[in-house]
Amino acid sequence: MDSNCPHNGSIHCGDCRMNALCLPIALQADEIERLDRIVERGRPLHKGDYVYHAGEPFRSIYAVRSGAIKGFTVNNDGVEQVTGFYLPGEIFGMDGIGHPNHINAAISLETSAVCEIPFARMEELSTQISSLQRHFFSLMSREITNDQQLITMLSKNSAEERIATLLTSISARNARRKLSGTRFRLPMSRADIGNYLGLTVETVSRVFSRFQKLELLDVDKKEIEITDFDRLKAMANT
């Protein structure tokens, strides 16, 4: 396997192309090495593979190195509720902080690679490296903000506003990874998008078609090109 391949489990934190997102910039080389020693890198996950199940003991948080991960819960009636989508460089698994077990489950949406960071060792290292502790608090704050944004998104009246908000969010997250913010592939299905946004699959498909007719997007299955970002963003902020 190519040493630069993001699926490669032998890549270290200092060499990973996602380190600018996962790691605090202030970390020194020796501190990165100390963090690297606690990070566990397993084999690539295939589509449908679980990172962890709901109810499993909480031991670690995770960083996406490549691919995409879906977080979700299942209620007592067996109905799934998507709680989030995680892209390369993003941290997930923090639903277990403050609980003995994970509240959500996490599953791979496509071939993916993740870094597992044992939480107890992360806590211990954070007390020794102040910049790492600040970065970890920042990650927790971002997770809270994401939850609040979802609540705000679901409070929007129209399906168009919800989908526009999701697309501009993915655009911004891609831009943080130095990727195109206007041309990208959606790793999740229309059904997952609908579940996440509280919409039917038919409504999601209808809105994508409407956005294409309005010349906001070019849509080819999961391939998206935002052709009028300003109008889409204005719709998201309505």
C-alpha atoms as a PDB file:
ATOM      1  CA  MET A   1       0.000   0.000   0.000  1.00  0.00           C
ATOM      2  CA  ASP A   2       1.277   3.473  -0.904  1.00  0.00           C
ATOM      3  CA  SER A   3       2.801   5.164   2.144  1.00  0.00           C
ATOM      4  CA  ASN A   4       0.863   8.333   1.266  1.00  0.00           C
ATOM      5  CA  CYS A   5      -2.463   6.523   0.990  1.00  0.00           C
ATOM      6  CA  PRO A   6      -4.889   7.746   3.682  1.00  0.00           C
ATOM      7  CA  HIS A   7      -6.034   4.137   4.237  1.00  0.00           C
ATOM      8  CA  ASN A   8      -2.465   3.161   5.183  1.00  0.00           C
ATOM      9  CA  GLY A   9      -2.390   2.181   8.861  1.00  0.00           C
ATOM     10  CA  SER A  10       1.340   2.842   9.109  1.00  0.00           C
ATOM     11  CA  ILE A  11       0.984   6.600   8.581  1.00  0.00           C
ATOM     12  CA  HIS A  12       1.959   8.606  11.667  1.00  0.00           C
ATOM     13  CA  CYS A  13       0.275  11.766  12.959  1.00  0.00           C
ATOM     14  CA  GLY A  14       3.158  13.979  11.856  1.00  0.00           C
ATOM     15  CA  ASP A  15       2.897  12.705   8.261  1.00  0.00           C
ATOM     16  CA  CYS A  16      -0.882  12.471   7.952  1.00  0.00           C
ATOM     17  CA  ARG A  17      -2.434  14.951   5.553  1.00  0.00           C
ATOM     18  CA  MET A  18      -5.302  15.432   8.041  1.00  0.00           C
ATOM     19  CA  ASN A  19      -3.079  16.512  10.934  1.00  0.00           C
ATOM     20  CA  ALA A  20      -3.809  20.217  10.481  1.00  0.00           C
ATOM     21  CA  LEU A  21      -7.445  19.450  11.318  1.00  0.00           C
ATOM     22  CA  CYS A  22      -6.954  16.803  14.002  1.00  0.00           C
ATOM     23  CA  LEU A  23      -3.961  18.280  15.832  1.00  0.00           C
ATOM     24  CA  PRO A  24      -3.411  21.665  17.466  1.00  0.00           C
ATOM     25  CA  ILE A  25      -0.932  23.716  15.442  1.00  0.00           C
ATOM     26  CA  ALA A  26       1.044  24.529  18.586  1.00  0.00           C
ATOM     27  CA  LEU A  27       2.144  20.931  19.187  1.00  0.00           C
ATOM     28  CA  GLN A  28       5.903  20.448  19.032  1.00  0.00           C
ATOM     29  CA  ALA A  29       7.488  17.517  17.178  1.00  0.00           C
ATOM     30  CA  ASP A  30       8.209  15.574  20.383  1.00  0.00           C
ATOM     31  CA  GLU A  31       4.633  16.175  21.592  1.00  0.00           C
ATOM     32  CA  ILE A  32       3.214  14.880  18.295  1.00  0.00           C
ATOM     33  CA  GLU A  33       5.365  11.780  18.787  1.00  0.00           C
ATOM     34  CA  ARG A  34       3.910  11.275  22.274  1.00  0.00           C
ATOM     35  CA  LEU A  35       0.386  11.576  20.888  1.00  0.00           C
ATOM     36  CA  ASP A  36       1.242   9.286  17.997  1.00  0.00           C
ATOM     37  CA  ARG A  37       2.255   6.546  20.432  1.00  0.00           C
ATOM     38  CA  ILE A  38      -1.262   6.327  21.903  1.00  0.00           C
ATOM     39  CA  VAL A  39      -3.129   6.408  18.576  1.00  0.00           C
ATOM     40  CA  GLU A  40      -4.300   3.031  17.286  1.00  0.00           C
ATOM     41  CA  ARG A  41      -4.797   2.516  13.550  1.00  0.00           C
ATOM     42  CA  GLY A  42      -6.750  -0.510  12.434  1.00  0.00           C
ATOM     43  CA  ARG A  43      -7.350  -1.947   9.002  1.00  0.00           C
ATOM     44  CA  PRO A  44      -9.554   0.002   6.548  1.00  0.00           C
ATOM     45  CA  LEU A  45     -13.278  -0.324   7.167  1.00  0.00           C
ATOM     46  CA  HIS A  46     -15.608  -1.458   4.403  1.00  0.00           C
ATOM     47  CA  LYS A  47     -19.014   0.045   3.723  1.00  0.00           C
ATOM     48  CA  GLY A  48     -21.381  -1.073   6.480  1.00  0.00           C
ATOM     49  CA  ASP A  49     -18.659  -1.955   8.999  1.00  0.00           C
ATOM     50  CA  TYR A  50     -19.277  -0.691  12.529  1.00  0.00           C
ATOM     51  CA  VAL A  51     -16.714   1.413  14.348  1.00  0.00           C
ATOM     52  CA  TYR A  52     -18.711   0.811  17.534  1.00  0.00           C
ATOM     53  CA  HIS A  53     -22.256  -0.135  18.523  1.00  0.00           C
ATOM     54  CA  ALA A  54     -24.608   1.725  20.826  1.00  0.00           C
ATOM     55  CA  GLY A  55     -24.253   0.343  24.335  1.00  0.00           C
ATOM     56  CA  GLU A  56     -20.600  -0.649  23.915  1.00  0.00           C
ATOM     57  CA  PRO A  57     -18.301   0.517  26.720  1.00  0.00           C
ATOM     58  CA  PHE A  58     -16.881   3.953  25.985  1.00  0.00           C
ATOM     59  CA  ARG A  59     -13.108   3.682  25.753  1.00  0.00           C
ATOM     60  CA  SER A  60     -12.001   5.799  22.809  1.00  0.00           C
ATOM     61  CA  ILE A  61     -12.711   8.722  20.555  1.00  0.00           C
ATOM     62  CA  TYR A  62     -11.963   8.487  16.840  1.00  0.00           C
ATOM     63  CA  ALA A  63     -10.640  10.599  13.970  1.00  0.00           C
ATOM     64  CA  VAL A  64     -11.613   9.985  10.356  1.00  0.00           C
ATOM     65  CA  ARG A  65      -8.500   9.601   8.211  1.00  0.00           C
ATOM     66  CA  SER A  66     -10.341   8.805   4.968  1.00  0.00           C
ATOM     67  CA  GLY A  67     -13.843   7.966   3.830  1.00  0.00           C
ATOM     68  CA  ALA A  68     -16.951   8.920   5.801  1.00  0.00           C
ATOM     69  CA  ILE A  69     -18.691   7.766   8.981  1.00  0.00           C
ATOM     70  CA  LYS A  70     -22.355   7.956   9.980  1.00  0.00           C
ATOM     71  CA  GLY A  71     -23.471   8.294  13.581  1.00  0.00           C
ATOM     72  CA  PHE A  72     -26.960   7.091  14.498  1.00  0.00           C
ATOM     73  CA  THR A  73     -29.233   5.813  17.240  1.00  0.00           C
ATOM     74  CA  VAL A  74     -32.013   3.224  17.139  1.00  0.00           C
ATOM     75  CA  ASN A  75     -35.081   3.760  19.320  1.00  0.00           C
ATOM     76  CA  ASN A  76     -37.076   1.106  21.174  1.00  0.00           C
ATOM     77  CA  ASP A  77     -39.224   0.535  18.076  1.00  0.00           C
ATOM     78  CA  GLY A  78     -36.147  -0.211  15.970  1.00  0.00           C
ATOM     79  CA  VAL A  79     -36.334   3.085  14.082  1.00  0.00           C
ATOM     80  CA  GLU A  80     -32.971   4.574  13.109  1.00  0.00           C
ATOM     81  CA  GLN A  81     -32.174   8.266  13.623  1.00  0.00           C
ATOM     82  CA  VAL A  82     -29.049   9.650  11.959  1.00  0.00           C
ATOM     83  CA  THR A  83     -27.157  11.926  14.350  1.00  0.00           C
ATOM     84  CA  GLY A  84     -24.256  13.061  12.194  1.00  0.00           C
ATOM     85  CA  PHE A  85     -21.897  12.570   9.267  1.00  0.00           C
ATOM     86  CA  TYR A  86     -18.138  12.707   9.834  1.00  0.00           C
ATOM     87  CA  LEU A  87     -15.597  13.507   7.126  1.00  0.00           C
ATOM     88  CA  PRO A  88     -11.769  13.205   7.032  1.00  0.00           C
ATOM     89  CA  GLY A  89     -10.035  15.173   9.761  1.00  0.00           C
ATOM     90  CA  GLU A  90     -13.138  15.209  11.974  1.00  0.00           C
ATOM     91  CA  ILE A  91     -13.463  13.657  15.427  1.00  0.00           C
ATOM     92  CA  PHE A  92     -16.363  11.451  16.478  1.00  0.00           C
ATOM     93  CA  GLY A  93     -17.303   9.130  19.323  1.00  0.00           C
ATOM     94  CA  MET A  94     -17.632  11.859  21.938  1.00  0.00           C
ATOM     95  CA  ASP A  95     -21.220  10.806  22.654  1.00  0.00           C
ATOM     96  CA  GLY A  96     -19.744   8.467  25.272  1.00  0.00           C
ATOM     97  CA  ILE A  97     -18.014  11.195  27.279  1.00  0.00           C
ATOM     98  CA  GLY A  98     -19.735  11.384  30.637  1.00  0.00           C
ATOM     99  CA  HIS A  99     -21.367   7.985  30.121  1.00  0.00           C
ATOM    100  CA  PRO A 100     -20.058   4.463  30.694  1.00  0.00           C
ATOM    101  CA  ASN A 101     -21.287   3.384  27.237  1.00  0.00           C
ATOM    102  CA  HIS A 102     -21.692   4.864  23.775  1.00  0.00           C
ATOM    103  CA  ILE A 103     -25.146   6.341  23.257  1.00  0.00           C
ATOM    104  CA  ASN A 104     -24.874   6.247  19.467  1.00  0.00           C
ATOM    105  CA  ALA A 105     -23.497   3.759  16.960  1.00  0.00           C
ATOM    106  CA  ALA A 106     -21.026   4.627  14.199  1.00  0.00           C
ATOM    107  CA  ILE A 107     -20.841   2.906  10.822  1.00  0.00           C
ATOM    108  CA  SER A 108     -18.710   3.360   7.715  1.00  0.00           C
ATOM    109  CA  LEU A 109     -20.519   4.815   4.698  1.00  0.00           C
ATOM    110  CA  GLU A 110     -17.751   3.765   2.293  1.00  0.00           C
ATOM    111  CA  THR A 111     -14.223   2.383   2.467  1.00  0.00           C
ATOM    112  CA  SER A 112     -12.797   4.365   5.376  1.00  0.00           C
ATOM    113  CA  ALA A 113      -9.873   4.521   7.752  1.00  0.00           C
ATOM    114  CA  VAL A 114     -10.081   5.818  11.310  1.00  0.00           C
ATOM    115  CA  CYS A 115      -7.634   6.525  14.102  1.00  0.00           C
ATOM    116  CA  GLU A 116      -8.679   5.285  17.548  1.00  0.00           C
ATOM    117  CA  ILE A 117      -7.534   7.405  20.472  1.00  0.00           C
ATOM    118  CA  PRO A 118      -7.973   5.718  23.896  1.00  0.00           C
ATOM    119  CA  PHE A 119      -9.761   8.354  25.968  1.00  0.00           C
ATOM    120  CA  ALA A 120      -8.049   7.645  29.294  1.00  0.00           C
ATOM    121  CA  ARG A 121      -4.624   8.041  27.711  1.00  0.00           C
ATOM    122  CA  MET A 122      -5.797  11.143  25.842  1.00  0.00           C
ATOM    123  CA  GLU A 123      -6.948  12.692  29.118  1.00  0.00           C
ATOM    124  CA  GLU A 124      -3.631  11.877  30.761  1.00  0.00           C
ATOM    125  CA  LEU A 125      -1.624  13.349  27.889  1.00  0.00           C
ATOM    126  CA  SER A 126      -3.848  16.438  27.770  1.00  0.00           C
ATOM    127  CA  THR A 127      -2.950  17.306  31.366  1.00  0.00           C
ATOM    128  CA  GLN A 128       0.732  17.261  30.363  1.00  0.00           C
ATOM    129  CA  ILE A 129       0.413  19.209  27.091  1.00  0.00           C
ATOM    130  CA  SER A 130      -1.618  22.384  27.525  1.00  0.00           C
ATOM    131  CA  SER A 131      -2.129  23.018  23.792  1.00  0.00           C
ATOM    132  CA  LEU A 132      -3.558  19.519  23.383  1.00  0.00           C
ATOM    133  CA  GLN A 133      -5.954  20.090  26.269  1.00  0.00           C
ATOM    134  CA  ARG A 134      -7.149  23.368  24.736  1.00  0.00           C
ATOM    135  CA  HIS A 135      -7.580  21.659  21.381  1.00  0.00           C
ATOM    136  CA  PHE A 136      -9.610  18.860  22.958  1.00  0.00           C
ATOM    137  CA  PHE A 137     -11.887  21.384  24.688  1.00  0.00           C
ATOM    138  CA  SER A 138     -12.273  23.112  21.314  1.00  0.00           C
ATOM    139  CA  LEU A 139     -13.324  19.803  19.718  1.00  0.00           C
ATOM    140  CA  MET A 140     -15.921  19.259  22.436  1.00  0.00           C
ATOM    141  CA  SER A 141     -17.203  22.787  21.938  1.00  0.00           C
ATOM    142  CA  ARG A 142     -17.458  22.193  18.185  1.00  0.00           C
ATOM    143  CA  GLU A 143     -19.477  19.026  18.817  1.00  0.00           C
ATOM    144  CA  ILE A 144     -21.898  20.985  21.013  1.00  0.00           C
ATOM    145  CA  THR A 145     -22.126  23.673  18.326  1.00  0.00           C
ATOM    146  CA  ASN A 146     -22.855  21.024  15.686  1.00  0.00           C
ATOM    147  CA  ASP A 147     -25.690  19.663  17.838  1.00  0.00           C
ATOM    148  CA  GLN A 148     -27.102  23.175  18.185  1.00  0.00           C
ATOM    149  CA  GLN A 149     -26.815  23.731  14.435  1.00  0.00           C
ATOM    150  CA  LEU A 150     -28.765  20.527  13.804  1.00  0.00           C
ATOM    151  CA  ILE A 151     -31.523  21.695  16.150  1.00  0.00           C
ATOM    152  CA  THR A 152     -31.563  25.029  14.310  1.00  0.00           C
ATOM    153  CA  MET A 153     -31.614  23.255  10.944  1.00  0.00           C
ATOM    154  CA  LEU A 154     -34.553  21.074  11.959  1.00  0.00           C
ATOM    155  CA  SER A 155     -36.418  24.140  13.185  1.00  0.00           C
ATOM    156  CA  LYS A 156     -36.341  25.624   9.685  1.00  0.00           C
ATOM    157  CA  ASN A 157     -39.707  25.382   8.007  1.00  0.00           C
ATOM    158  CA  SER A 158     -38.808  24.374   4.480  1.00  0.00           C
ATOM    159  CA  ALA A 159     -37.038  21.345   3.091  1.00  0.00           C
ATOM    160  CA  GLU A 160     -35.121  23.690   0.764  1.00  0.00           C
ATOM    161  CA  GLU A 161     -33.613  25.559   3.734  1.00  0.00           C
ATOM    162  CA  ARG A 162     -32.598  22.343   5.467  1.00  0.00           C
ATOM    163  CA  ILE A 163     -30.883  20.845   2.428  1.00  0.00           C
ATOM    164  CA  ALA A 164     -29.210  24.146   1.531  1.00  0.00           C
ATOM    165  CA  THR A 165     -27.853  24.320   5.084  1.00  0.00           C
ATOM    166  CA  LEU A 166     -26.465  20.779   4.880  1.00  0.00           C
ATOM    167  CA  LEU A 167     -24.802  21.405   1.506  1.00  0.00           C
ATOM    168  CA  THR A 168     -23.167  24.657   2.627  1.00  0.00           C
ATOM    169  CA  SER A 169     -21.956  22.887   5.779  1.00  0.00           C
ATOM    170  CA  ILE A 170     -20.329  20.107   3.725  1.00  0.00           C
ATOM    171  CA  SER A 171     -18.870  22.761   1.422  1.00  0.00           C
ATOM    172  CA  ALA A 172     -17.233  24.574   4.351  1.00  0.00           C
ATOM    173  CA  ARG A 173     -15.917  21.324   5.833  1.00  0.00           C
ATOM    174  CA  ASN A 174     -14.382  20.364   2.487  1.00  0.00           C
ATOM    175  CA  ALA A 175     -12.759  23.784   2.227  1.00  0.00           C
ATOM    176  CA  ARG A 176     -11.145  23.275   5.650  1.00  0.00           C
ATOM    177  CA  ARG A 177      -9.514  20.139   4.206  1.00  0.00           C
ATOM    178  CA  LYS A 178      -8.164  22.204   1.270  1.00  0.00           C
ATOM    179  CA  LEU A 179     -10.604  20.465  -1.082  1.00  0.00           C
ATOM    180  CA  SER A 180     -13.117  22.037  -3.425  1.00  0.00           C
ATOM    181  CA  GLY A 181     -16.045  23.644  -1.649  1.00  0.00           C
ATOM    182  CA  THR A 182     -18.144  23.664  -4.814  1.00  0.00           C
ATOM    183  CA  ARG A 183     -17.528  20.206  -6.338  1.00  0.00           C
ATOM    184  CA  PHE A 184     -17.756  17.142  -4.120  1.00  0.00           C
ATOM    185  CA  ARG A 185     -19.258  13.709  -3.734  1.00  0.00           C
ATOM    186  CA  LEU A 186     -21.897  13.096  -1.088  1.00  0.00           C
ATOM    187  CA  PRO A 187     -20.922   9.916   0.785  1.00  0.00           C
ATOM    188  CA  MET A 188     -24.379   9.449   2.252  1.00  0.00           C
ATOM    189  CA  SER A 189     -27.561   8.234   0.560  1.00  0.00           C
ATOM    190  CA  ARG A 190     -30.660  10.341  -0.036  1.00  0.00           C
ATOM    191  CA  ALA A 191     -32.356   8.179   2.612  1.00  0.00           C
ATOM    192  CA  ASP A 192     -29.665   9.094   5.175  1.00  0.00           C
ATOM    193  CA  ILE A 193     -29.977  12.777   4.272  1.00  0.00           C
ATOM    194  CA  GLY A 194     -33.739  12.598   4.707  1.00  0.00           C
ATOM    195  CA  ASN A 195     -33.423  10.774   8.020  1.00  0.00           C
ATOM    196  CA  TYR A 196     -30.913  13.329   9.307  1.00  0.00           C
ATOM    197  CA  LEU A 197     -33.015  16.320   8.225  1.00  0.00           C
ATOM    198  CA  GLY A 198     -36.440  14.924   9.098  1.00  0.00           C
ATOM    199  CA  LEU A 199     -37.532  14.656   5.447  1.00  0.00           C
ATOM    200  CA  THR A 200     -38.783  11.843   3.236  1.00  0.00           C
ATOM    201  CA  VAL A 201     -36.533  10.410   0.522  1.00  0.00           C
ATOM    202  CA  GLU A 202     -38.984  11.704  -2.065  1.00  0.00           C
ATOM    203  CA  THR A 203     -38.744  15.227  -0.658  1.00  0.00           C
ATOM    204  CA  VAL A 204     -34.947  15.124  -0.695  1.00  0.00           C
ATOM    205  CA  SER A 205     -34.929  14.001  -4.341  1.00  0.00           C
ATOM    206  CA  ARG A 206     -37.502  16.658  -5.243  1.00  0.00           C
ATOM    207  CA  VAL A 207     -35.432  19.427  -3.633  1.00  0.00           C
ATOM    208  CA  PHE A 208     -32.258  18.340  -5.421  1.00  0.00           C
ATOM    209  CA  SER A 209     -34.187  18.404  -8.715  1.00  0.00           C
ATOM    210  CA  ARG A 210     -35.599  21.844  -7.875  1.00  0.00           C
ATOM    211  CA  PHE A 211     -32.131  23.195  -7.028  1.00  0.00           C
ATOM    212  CA  GLN A 212     -30.887  21.912 -10.365  1.00  0.00           C
ATOM    213  CA  LYS A 213     -33.749  23.616 -12.237  1.00  0.00           C
ATOM    214  CA  LEU A 214     -32.978  26.839 -10.354  1.00  0.00           C
ATOM    215  CA  GLU A 215     -29.339  26.451 -11.500  1.00  0.00           C
ATOM    216  CA  LEU A 216     -28.067  26.318  -7.922  1.00  0.00           C
ATOM    217  CA  LEU A 217     -26.586  22.845  -8.413  1.00  0.00           C
ATOM    218  CA  ASP A 218     -25.537  20.338 -11.002  1.00  0.00           C
ATOM    219  CA  VAL A 219     -26.451  16.894  -9.657  1.00  0.00           C
ATOM    220  CA  ASP A 220     -25.250  13.565 -11.009  1.00  0.00           C
ATOM    221  CA  LYS A 221     -26.342  10.944  -8.487  1.00  0.00           C
ATOM    222  CA  LYS A 222     -23.969  11.584  -5.527  1.00  0.00           C
ATOM    223  CA  GLU A 223     -21.752  14.020  -7.436  1.00  0.00           C
ATOM    224  CA  ILE A 224     -22.601  17.630  -6.593  1.00  0.00           C
ATOM    225  CA  GLU A 225     -21.434  20.887  -8.146  1.00  0.00           C
ATOM    226  CA  ILE A 226     -22.642  24.103  -6.514  1.00  0.00           C
ATOM    227  CA  THR A 227     -23.097  26.502  -9.422  1.00  0.00           C
ATOM    228  CA  ASP A 228     -24.444  29.485  -7.465  1.00  0.00           C
ATOM    229  CA  PHE A 229     -22.970  29.357  -3.974  1.00  0.00           C
ATOM    230  CA  ASP A 230     -24.199  32.827  -2.926  1.00  0.00           C
ATOM    231  CA  ARG A 231     -27.823  32.014  -3.679  1.00  0.00           C
ATOM    232  CA  LEU A 232     -27.539  28.625  -1.969  1.00  0.00           C
ATOM    233  CA  LYS A 233     -25.978  30.194   1.122  1.00  0.00           C
ATOM    234  CA  ALA A 234     -28.666  32.884   1.184  1.00  0.00           C
ATOM    235  CA  MET A 235     -31.307  30.162   1.077  1.00  0.00           C
ATOM    236  CA  ALA A 236     -29.567  28.330   3.953  1.00  0.00           C
ATOM    237  CA  ASN A 237     -29.545  31.475   6.064  1.00  0.00           C
ATOM    238  CA  THR A 238     -33.213  32.297   5.423  1.00  0.00           C
END
